Amino acid sequence: AERVATALEGLAVEVVVNPAHRKG
């Protein structure tokens, strides 16, 4: 998540991290 979030820098989006992402 932290690595991917860097690709969104400067965009007016809300980033949410799903701690259960392995569940699908």
mmCIF file of all heavy atoms, coordinates in Angstrom:
data_MODEL
# 
_entry.id   MODEL 
# 
loop_
_atom_site.group_PDB 
_atom_site.id 
_atom_site.type_symbol 
_atom_site.label_atom_id 
_atom_site.label_alt_id 
_atom_site.label_comp_id 
_atom_site.label_asym_id 
_atom_site.label_entity_id 
_atom_site.label_seq_id 
_atom_site.pdbx_PDB_ins_code 
_atom_site.Cartn_x 
_atom_site.Cartn_y 
_atom_site.Cartn_z 
_atom_site.occupancy 
_atom_site.B_iso_or_equiv 
_atom_site.pdbx_formal_charge 
_atom_site.auth_seq_id 
_atom_site.auth_comp_id 
_atom_site.auth_asym_id 
_atom_site.auth_atom_id 
_atom_site.pdbx_PDB_model_num 
ATOM 1   N N   . ALA A 1 1  ? 0.807   -1.218  0.000   1.00 0.00 ? 1  ALA A N   1 
ATOM 2   C CA  . ALA A 1 1  ? 0.000   0.000   0.000   1.00 0.00 ? 1  ALA A CA  1 
ATOM 3   C C   . ALA A 1 1  ? 0.842   1.271   0.000   1.00 0.00 ? 1  ALA A C   1 
ATOM 4   O O   . ALA A 1 1  ? 0.554   2.216   -0.749  1.00 0.00 ? 1  ALA A O   1 
ATOM 5   C CB  . ALA A 1 1  ? -0.951  0.002   1.193   1.00 0.00 ? 1  ALA A CB  1 
ATOM 6   N N   . GLU A 1 2  ? 1.874   1.328   0.814   1.00 0.00 ? 2  GLU A N   1 
ATOM 7   C CA  . GLU A 1 2  ? 2.684   2.547   0.884   1.00 0.00 ? 2  GLU A CA  1 
ATOM 8   C C   . GLU A 1 2  ? 3.369   2.817   -0.443  1.00 0.00 ? 2  GLU A C   1 
ATOM 9   O O   . GLU A 1 2  ? 3.437   3.961   -0.899  1.00 0.00 ? 2  GLU A O   1 
ATOM 10  C CB  . GLU A 1 2  ? 3.724   2.425   1.999   1.00 0.00 ? 2  GLU A CB  1 
ATOM 11  C CG  . GLU A 1 2  ? 3.131   2.465   3.398   1.00 0.00 ? 2  GLU A CG  1 
ATOM 12  C CD  . GLU A 1 2  ? 4.199   2.501   4.470   1.00 0.00 ? 2  GLU A CD  1 
ATOM 13  O OE1 . GLU A 1 2  ? 5.388   2.688   4.122   1.00 0.00 ? 2  GLU A OE1 1 
ATOM 14  O OE2 . GLU A 1 2  ? 3.860   2.327   5.651   1.00 0.00 ? 2  GLU A OE2 1 
ATOM 15  N N   . ARG A 1 3  ? 3.859   1.781   -1.054  1.00 0.00 ? 3  ARG A N   1 
ATOM 16  C CA  . ARG A 1 3  ? 4.544   1.940   -2.347  1.00 0.00 ? 3  ARG A CA  1 
ATOM 17  C C   . ARG A 1 3  ? 3.568   2.392   -3.426  1.00 0.00 ? 3  ARG A C   1 
ATOM 18  O O   . ARG A 1 3  ? 3.864   3.298   -4.211  1.00 0.00 ? 3  ARG A O   1 
ATOM 19  C CB  . ARG A 1 3  ? 5.202   0.614   -2.731  1.00 0.00 ? 3  ARG A CB  1 
ATOM 20  C CG  . ARG A 1 3  ? 6.036   0.669   -3.994  1.00 0.00 ? 3  ARG A CG  1 
ATOM 21  C CD  . ARG A 1 3  ? 6.699   -0.662  -4.246  1.00 0.00 ? 3  ARG A CD  1 
ATOM 22  N NE  . ARG A 1 3  ? 7.485   -0.631  -5.472  1.00 0.00 ? 3  ARG A NE  1 
ATOM 23  C CZ  . ARG A 1 3  ? 7.518   -1.628  -6.350  1.00 0.00 ? 3  ARG A CZ  1 
ATOM 24  N NH1 . ARG A 1 3  ? 6.822   -2.734  -6.124  1.00 0.00 ? 3  ARG A NH1 1 
ATOM 25  N NH2 . ARG A 1 3  ? 8.251   -1.531  -7.439  1.00 0.00 ? 3  ARG A NH2 1 
ATOM 26  N N   . VAL A 1 4  ? 2.398   1.776   -3.471  1.00 0.00 ? 4  VAL A N   1 
ATOM 27  C CA  . VAL A 1 4  ? 1.410   2.138   -4.488  1.00 0.00 ? 4  VAL A CA  1 
ATOM 28  C C   . VAL A 1 4  ? 0.900   3.555   -4.256  1.00 0.00 ? 4  VAL A C   1 
ATOM 29  O O   . VAL A 1 4  ? 0.647   4.304   -5.204  1.00 0.00 ? 4  VAL A O   1 
ATOM 30  C CB  . VAL A 1 4  ? 0.259   1.119   -4.497  1.00 0.00 ? 4  VAL A CB  1 
ATOM 31  C CG1 . VAL A 1 4  ? -0.831  1.540   -5.475  1.00 0.00 ? 4  VAL A CG1 1 
ATOM 32  C CG2 . VAL A 1 4  ? 0.776   -0.274  -4.855  1.00 0.00 ? 4  VAL A CG2 1 
ATOM 33  N N   . ALA A 1 5  ? 0.764   3.944   -2.996  1.00 0.00 ? 5  ALA A N   1 
ATOM 34  C CA  . ALA A 1 5  ? 0.233   5.269   -2.685  1.00 0.00 ? 5  ALA A CA  1 
ATOM 35  C C   . ALA A 1 5  ? 1.108   6.379   -3.248  1.00 0.00 ? 5  ALA A C   1 
ATOM 36  O O   . ALA A 1 5  ? 0.615   7.461   -3.581  1.00 0.00 ? 5  ALA A O   1 
ATOM 37  C CB  . ALA A 1 5  ? 0.083   5.441   -1.175  1.00 0.00 ? 5  ALA A CB  1 
ATOM 38  N N   . THR A 1 6  ? 2.413   6.121   -3.386  1.00 0.00 ? 6  THR A N   1 
ATOM 39  C CA  . THR A 1 6  ? 3.294   7.160   -3.932  1.00 0.00 ? 6  THR A CA  1 
ATOM 40  C C   . THR A 1 6  ? 2.930   7.497   -5.371  1.00 0.00 ? 6  THR A C   1 
ATOM 41  O O   . THR A 1 6  ? 3.162   8.622   -5.821  1.00 0.00 ? 6  THR A O   1 
ATOM 42  C CB  . THR A 1 6  ? 4.766   6.736   -3.852  1.00 0.00 ? 6  THR A CB  1 
ATOM 43  O OG1 . THR A 1 6  ? 4.975   5.567   -4.657  1.00 0.00 ? 6  THR A OG1 1 
ATOM 44  C CG2 . THR A 1 6  ? 5.173   6.433   -2.420  1.00 0.00 ? 6  THR A CG2 1 
ATOM 45  N N   . ALA A 1 7  ? 2.338   6.532   -6.088  1.00 0.00 ? 7  ALA A N   1 
ATOM 46  C CA  . ALA A 1 7  ? 1.950   6.772   -7.479  1.00 0.00 ? 7  ALA A CA  1 
ATOM 47  C C   . ALA A 1 7  ? 0.726   7.667   -7.583  1.00 0.00 ? 7  ALA A C   1 
ATOM 48  O O   . ALA A 1 7  ? 0.389   8.142   -8.673  1.00 0.00 ? 7  ALA A O   1 
ATOM 49  C CB  . ALA A 1 7  ? 1.683   5.445   -8.195  1.00 0.00 ? 7  ALA A CB  1 
ATOM 50  N N   . LEU A 1 8  ? 0.052   7.911   -6.460  1.00 0.00 ? 8  LEU A N   1 
ATOM 51  C CA  . LEU A 1 8  ? -1.156  8.733   -6.454  1.00 0.00 ? 8  LEU A CA  1 
ATOM 52  C C   . LEU A 1 8  ? -0.905  10.147  -5.961  1.00 0.00 ? 8  LEU A C   1 
ATOM 53  O O   . LEU A 1 8  ? -1.837  10.950  -5.882  1.00 0.00 ? 8  LEU A O   1 
ATOM 54  C CB  . LEU A 1 8  ? -2.221  8.075   -5.569  1.00 0.00 ? 8  LEU A CB  1 
ATOM 55  C CG  . LEU A 1 8  ? -2.696  6.690   -6.013  1.00 0.00 ? 8  LEU A CG  1 
ATOM 56  C CD1 . LEU A 1 8  ? -3.542  6.055   -4.922  1.00 0.00 ? 8  LEU A CD1 1 
ATOM 57  C CD2 . LEU A 1 8  ? -3.471  6.767   -7.319  1.00 0.00 ? 8  LEU A CD2 1 
ATOM 58  N N   . GLU A 1 9  ? 0.334   10.448  -5.634  1.00 0.00 ? 9  GLU A N   1 
ATOM 59  C CA  . GLU A 1 9  ? 0.639   11.763  -5.071  1.00 0.00 ? 9  GLU A CA  1 
ATOM 60  C C   . GLU A 1 9  ? 0.222   12.876  -6.025  1.00 0.00 ? 9  GLU A C   1 
ATOM 61  O O   . GLU A 1 9  ? 0.449   12.806  -7.231  1.00 0.00 ? 9  GLU A O   1 
ATOM 62  C CB  . GLU A 1 9  ? 2.130   11.860  -4.758  1.00 0.00 ? 9  GLU A CB  1 
ATOM 63  C CG  . GLU A 1 9  ? 2.558   10.975  -3.595  1.00 0.00 ? 9  GLU A CG  1 
ATOM 64  C CD  . GLU A 1 9  ? 4.046   11.049  -3.315  1.00 0.00 ? 9  GLU A CD  1 
ATOM 65  O OE1 . GLU A 1 9  ? 4.774   11.728  -4.099  1.00 0.00 ? 9  GLU A OE1 1 
ATOM 66  O OE2 . GLU A 1 9  ? 4.501   10.433  -2.338  1.00 0.00 ? 9  GLU A OE2 1 
ATOM 67  N N   . GLY A 1 10 ? -0.416  13.890  -5.468  1.00 0.00 ? 10 GLY A N   1 
ATOM 68  C CA  . GLY A 1 10 ? -0.854  15.035  -6.258  1.00 0.00 ? 10 GLY A CA  1 
ATOM 69  C C   . GLY A 1 10 ? -2.256  14.926  -6.802  1.00 0.00 ? 10 GLY A C   1 
ATOM 70  O O   . GLY A 1 10 ? -2.787  15.908  -7.317  1.00 0.00 ? 10 GLY A O   1 
ATOM 71  N N   . LEU A 1 11 ? -2.870  13.746  -6.695  1.00 0.00 ? 11 LEU A N   1 
ATOM 72  C CA  . LEU A 1 11 ? -4.246  13.580  -7.145  1.00 0.00 ? 11 LEU A CA  1 
ATOM 73  C C   . LEU A 1 11 ? -5.202  13.795  -5.977  1.00 0.00 ? 11 LEU A C   1 
ATOM 74  O O   . LEU A 1 11 ? -4.919  13.375  -4.850  1.00 0.00 ? 11 LEU A O   1 
ATOM 75  C CB  . LEU A 1 11 ? -4.462  12.170  -7.713  1.00 0.00 ? 11 LEU A CB  1 
ATOM 76  C CG  . LEU A 1 11 ? -3.739  11.824  -9.015  1.00 0.00 ? 11 LEU A CG  1 
ATOM 77  C CD1 . LEU A 1 11 ? -4.098  10.395  -9.433  1.00 0.00 ? 11 LEU A CD1 1 
ATOM 78  C CD2 . LEU A 1 11 ? -4.088  12.798  -10.133 1.00 0.00 ? 11 LEU A CD2 1 
ATOM 79  N N   . ALA A 1 12 ? -6.334  14.395  -6.254  1.00 0.00 ? 12 ALA A N   1 
ATOM 80  C CA  . ALA A 1 12 ? -7.321  14.697  -5.211  1.00 0.00 ? 12 ALA A CA  1 
ATOM 81  C C   . ALA A 1 12 ? -8.198  13.479  -4.961  1.00 0.00 ? 12 ALA A C   1 
ATOM 82  O O   . ALA A 1 12 ? -9.405  13.466  -5.243  1.00 0.00 ? 12 ALA A O   1 
ATOM 83  C CB  . ALA A 1 12 ? -8.170  15.891  -5.620  1.00 0.00 ? 12 ALA A CB  1 
ATOM 84  N N   . VAL A 1 13 ? -7.579  12.428  -4.423  1.00 0.00 ? 13 VAL A N   1 
ATOM 85  C CA  . VAL A 1 13 ? -8.303  11.207  -4.121  1.00 0.00 ? 13 VAL A CA  1 
ATOM 86  C C   . VAL A 1 13 ? -8.128  10.874  -2.644  1.00 0.00 ? 13 VAL A C   1 
ATOM 87  O O   . VAL A 1 13 ? -7.181  11.330  -1.987  1.00 0.00 ? 13 VAL A O   1 
ATOM 88  C CB  . VAL A 1 13 ? -7.809  10.019  -4.980  1.00 0.00 ? 13 VAL A CB  1 
ATOM 89  C CG1 . VAL A 1 13 ? -8.020  10.312  -6.458  1.00 0.00 ? 13 VAL A CG1 1 
ATOM 90  C CG2 . VAL A 1 13 ? -6.347  9.695   -4.694  1.00 0.00 ? 13 VAL A CG2 1 
ATOM 91  N N   . GLU A 1 14 ? -9.049  10.078  -2.123  1.00 0.00 ? 14 GLU A N   1 
ATOM 92  C CA  . GLU A 1 14 ? -8.935  9.572   -0.757  1.00 0.00 ? 14 GLU A CA  1 
ATOM 93  C C   . GLU A 1 14 ? -8.404  8.150   -0.816  1.00 0.00 ? 14 GLU A C   1 
ATOM 94  O O   . GLU A 1 14 ? -8.984  7.289   -1.473  1.00 0.00 ? 14 GLU A O   1 
ATOM 95  C CB  . GLU A 1 14 ? -10.286 9.579   -0.049  1.00 0.00 ? 14 GLU A CB  1 
ATOM 96  C CG  . GLU A 1 14 ? -10.223 9.026   1.365   1.00 0.00 ? 14 GLU A CG  1 
ATOM 97  C CD  . GLU A 1 14 ? -11.566 8.978   2.066   1.00 0.00 ? 14 GLU A CD  1 
ATOM 98  O OE1 . GLU A 1 14 ? -12.567 9.426   1.458   1.00 0.00 ? 14 GLU A OE1 1 
ATOM 99  O OE2 . GLU A 1 14 ? -11.604 8.484   3.207   1.00 0.00 ? 14 GLU A OE2 1 
ATOM 100 N N   . VAL A 1 15 ? -7.289  7.922   -0.155  1.00 0.00 ? 15 VAL A N   1 
ATOM 101 C CA  . VAL A 1 15 ? -6.680  6.599   -0.137  1.00 0.00 ? 15 VAL A CA  1 
ATOM 102 C C   . VAL A 1 15 ? -7.129  5.854   1.117   1.00 0.00 ? 15 VAL A C   1 
ATOM 103 O O   . VAL A 1 15 ? -7.040  6.376   2.225   1.00 0.00 ? 15 VAL A O   1 
ATOM 104 C CB  . VAL A 1 15 ? -5.145  6.699   -0.176  1.00 0.00 ? 15 VAL A CB  1 
ATOM 105 C CG1 . VAL A 1 15 ? -4.507  5.327   0.000   1.00 0.00 ? 15 VAL A CG1 1 
ATOM 106 C CG2 . VAL A 1 15 ? -4.693  7.323   -1.495  1.00 0.00 ? 15 VAL A CG2 1 
ATOM 107 N N   . VAL A 1 16 ? -7.626  4.643   0.917   1.00 0.00 ? 16 VAL A N   1 
ATOM 108 C CA  . VAL A 1 16 ? -8.052  3.780   2.010   1.00 0.00 ? 16 VAL A CA  1 
ATOM 109 C C   . VAL A 1 16 ? -7.264  2.480   1.911   1.00 0.00 ? 16 VAL A C   1 
ATOM 110 O O   . VAL A 1 16 ? -7.139  1.917   0.819   1.00 0.00 ? 16 VAL A O   1 
ATOM 111 C CB  . VAL A 1 16 ? -9.567  3.478   1.929   1.00 0.00 ? 16 VAL A CB  1 
ATOM 112 C CG1 . VAL A 1 16 ? -9.982  2.493   3.004   1.00 0.00 ? 16 VAL A CG1 1 
ATOM 113 C CG2 . VAL A 1 16 ? -10.363 4.765   2.035   1.00 0.00 ? 16 VAL A CG2 1 
ATOM 114 N N   . VAL A 1 17 ? -6.728  2.026   3.018   1.00 0.00 ? 17 VAL A N   1 
ATOM 115 C CA  . VAL A 1 17 ? -5.982  0.772   3.030   1.00 0.00 ? 17 VAL A CA  1 
ATOM 116 C C   . VAL A 1 17 ? -6.870  -0.334  3.574   1.00 0.00 ? 17 VAL A C   1 
ATOM 117 O O   . VAL A 1 17 ? -7.450  -0.202  4.655   1.00 0.00 ? 17 VAL A O   1 
ATOM 118 C CB  . VAL A 1 17 ? -4.697  0.889   3.861   1.00 0.00 ? 17 VAL A CB  1 
ATOM 119 C CG1 . VAL A 1 17 ? -3.970  -0.457  3.918   1.00 0.00 ? 17 VAL A CG1 1 
ATOM 120 C CG2 . VAL A 1 17 ? -3.782  1.962   3.278   1.00 0.00 ? 17 VAL A CG2 1 
ATOM 121 N N   . ASN A 1 18 ? -6.979  -1.401  2.821   1.00 0.00 ? 18 ASN A N   1 
ATOM 122 C CA  . ASN A 1 18 ? -7.756  -2.563  3.223   1.00 0.00 ? 18 ASN A CA  1 
ATOM 123 C C   . ASN A 1 18 ? -6.821  -3.593  3.863   1.00 0.00 ? 18 ASN A C   1 
ATOM 124 O O   . ASN A 1 18 ? -6.089  -4.288  3.157   1.00 0.00 ? 18 ASN A O   1 
ATOM 125 C CB  . ASN A 1 18 ? -8.450  -3.173  2.006   1.00 0.00 ? 18 ASN A CB  1 
ATOM 126 C CG  . ASN A 1 18 ? -9.069  -4.525  2.300   1.00 0.00 ? 18 ASN A CG  1 
ATOM 127 O OD1 . ASN A 1 18 ? -9.327  -4.861  3.453   1.00 0.00 ? 18 ASN A OD1 1 
ATOM 128 N ND2 . ASN A 1 18 ? -9.297  -5.294  1.255   1.00 0.00 ? 18 ASN A ND2 1 
ATOM 129 N N   . PRO A 1 19 ? -6.826  -3.717  5.170   1.00 0.00 ? 19 PRO A N   1 
ATOM 130 C CA  . PRO A 1 19 ? -5.936  -4.669  5.820   1.00 0.00 ? 19 PRO A CA  1 
ATOM 131 C C   . PRO A 1 19 ? -6.302  -6.122  5.538   1.00 0.00 ? 19 PRO A C   1 
ATOM 132 O O   . PRO A 1 19 ? -5.493  -7.023  5.768   1.00 0.00 ? 19 PRO A O   1 
ATOM 133 C CB  . PRO A 1 19 ? -6.086  -4.336  7.312   1.00 0.00 ? 19 PRO A CB  1 
ATOM 134 C CG  . PRO A 1 19 ? -7.453  -3.747  7.421   1.00 0.00 ? 19 PRO A CG  1 
ATOM 135 C CD  . PRO A 1 19 ? -7.663  -2.988  6.145   1.00 0.00 ? 19 PRO A CD  1 
ATOM 136 N N   . ALA A 1 20 ? -7.505  -6.345  5.026   1.00 0.00 ? 20 ALA A N   1 
ATOM 137 C CA  . ALA A 1 20 ? -7.951  -7.699  4.717   1.00 0.00 ? 20 ALA A CA  1 
ATOM 138 C C   . ALA A 1 20 ? -7.888  -7.980  3.221   1.00 0.00 ? 20 ALA A C   1 
ATOM 139 O O   . ALA A 1 20 ? -8.653  -8.802  2.702   1.00 0.00 ? 20 ALA A O   1 
ATOM 140 C CB  . ALA A 1 20 ? -9.378  -7.911  5.229   1.00 0.00 ? 20 ALA A CB  1 
ATOM 141 N N   . HIS A 1 21 ? -6.962  -7.331  2.513   1.00 0.00 ? 21 HIS A N   1 
ATOM 142 C CA  . HIS A 1 21 ? -6.929  -7.468  1.054   1.00 0.00 ? 21 HIS A CA  1 
ATOM 143 C C   . HIS A 1 21 ? -6.661  -8.891  0.588   1.00 0.00 ? 21 HIS A C   1 
ATOM 144 O O   . HIS A 1 21 ? -7.038  -9.272  -0.528  1.00 0.00 ? 21 HIS A O   1 
ATOM 145 C CB  . HIS A 1 21 ? -5.894  -6.509  0.452   1.00 0.00 ? 21 HIS A CB  1 
ATOM 146 C CG  . HIS A 1 21 ? -4.482  -6.828  0.806   1.00 0.00 ? 21 HIS A CG  1 
ATOM 147 N ND1 . HIS A 1 21 ? -3.893  -6.362  1.964   1.00 0.00 ? 21 HIS A ND1 1 
ATOM 148 C CD2 . HIS A 1 21 ? -3.538  -7.558  0.173   1.00 0.00 ? 21 HIS A CD2 1 
ATOM 149 C CE1 . HIS A 1 21 ? -2.645  -6.786  2.019   1.00 0.00 ? 21 HIS A CE1 1 
ATOM 150 N NE2 . HIS A 1 21 ? -2.413  -7.519  0.947   1.00 0.00 ? 21 HIS A NE2 1 
ATOM 151 N N   . ARG A 1 22 ? -6.015  -9.698  1.415   1.00 0.00 ? 22 ARG A N   1 
ATOM 152 C CA  . ARG A 1 22 ? -5.752  -11.084 1.035   1.00 0.00 ? 22 ARG A CA  1 
ATOM 153 C C   . ARG A 1 22 ? -7.041  -11.897 0.934   1.00 0.00 ? 22 ARG A C   1 
ATOM 154 O O   . ARG A 1 22 ? -7.042  -12.985 0.361   1.00 0.00 ? 22 ARG A O   1 
ATOM 155 C CB  . ARG A 1 22 ? -4.801  -11.739 2.033   1.00 0.00 ? 22 ARG A CB  1 
ATOM 156 C CG  . ARG A 1 22 ? -3.384  -11.177 1.987   1.00 0.00 ? 22 ARG A CG  1 
ATOM 157 C CD  . ARG A 1 22 ? -2.502  -11.821 3.034   1.00 0.00 ? 22 ARG A CD  1 
ATOM 158 N NE  . ARG A 1 22 ? -1.158  -11.280 3.023   1.00 0.00 ? 22 ARG A NE  1 
ATOM 159 C CZ  . ARG A 1 22 ? -0.176  -11.745 2.247   1.00 0.00 ? 22 ARG A CZ  1 
ATOM 160 N NH1 . ARG A 1 22 ? -0.408  -12.769 1.448   1.00 0.00 ? 22 ARG A NH1 1 
ATOM 161 N NH2 . ARG A 1 22 ? 1.021   -11.190 2.276   1.00 0.00 ? 22 ARG A NH2 1 
ATOM 162 N N   . LYS A 1 23 ? -8.111  -11.413 1.515   1.00 0.00 ? 23 LYS A N   1 
ATOM 163 C CA  . LYS A 1 23 ? -9.389  -12.124 1.472   1.00 0.00 ? 23 LYS A CA  1 
ATOM 164 C C   . LYS A 1 23 ? -10.135 -11.904 0.162   1.00 0.00 ? 23 LYS A C   1 
ATOM 165 O O   . LYS A 1 23 ? -11.186 -12.501 -0.066  1.00 0.00 ? 23 LYS A O   1 
ATOM 166 C CB  . LYS A 1 23 ? -10.272 -11.710 2.657   1.00 0.00 ? 23 LYS A CB  1 
ATOM 167 C CG  . LYS A 1 23 ? -9.707  -12.123 4.011   1.00 0.00 ? 23 LYS A CG  1 
ATOM 168 C CD  . LYS A 1 23 ? -10.671 -11.780 5.124   1.00 0.00 ? 23 LYS A CD  1 
ATOM 169 C CE  . LYS A 1 23 ? -10.111 -12.200 6.483   1.00 0.00 ? 23 LYS A CE  1 
ATOM 170 N NZ  . LYS A 1 23 ? -9.953  -13.655 6.590   1.00 0.00 ? 23 LYS A NZ  1 
ATOM 171 N N   . GLY A 1 24 ? -9.631  -11.015 -0.686  1.00 0.00 ? 24 GLY A N   1 
ATOM 172 C CA  . GLY A 1 24 ? -10.245 -10.855 -1.985  1.00 0.00 ? 24 GLY A CA  1 
ATOM 173 C C   . GLY A 1 24 ? -10.925 -9.520  -2.180  1.00 0.00 ? 24 GLY A C   1 
ATOM 174 O O   . GLY A 1 24 ? -10.961 -8.669  -1.297  1.00 0.00 ? 24 GLY A O   1 
# 
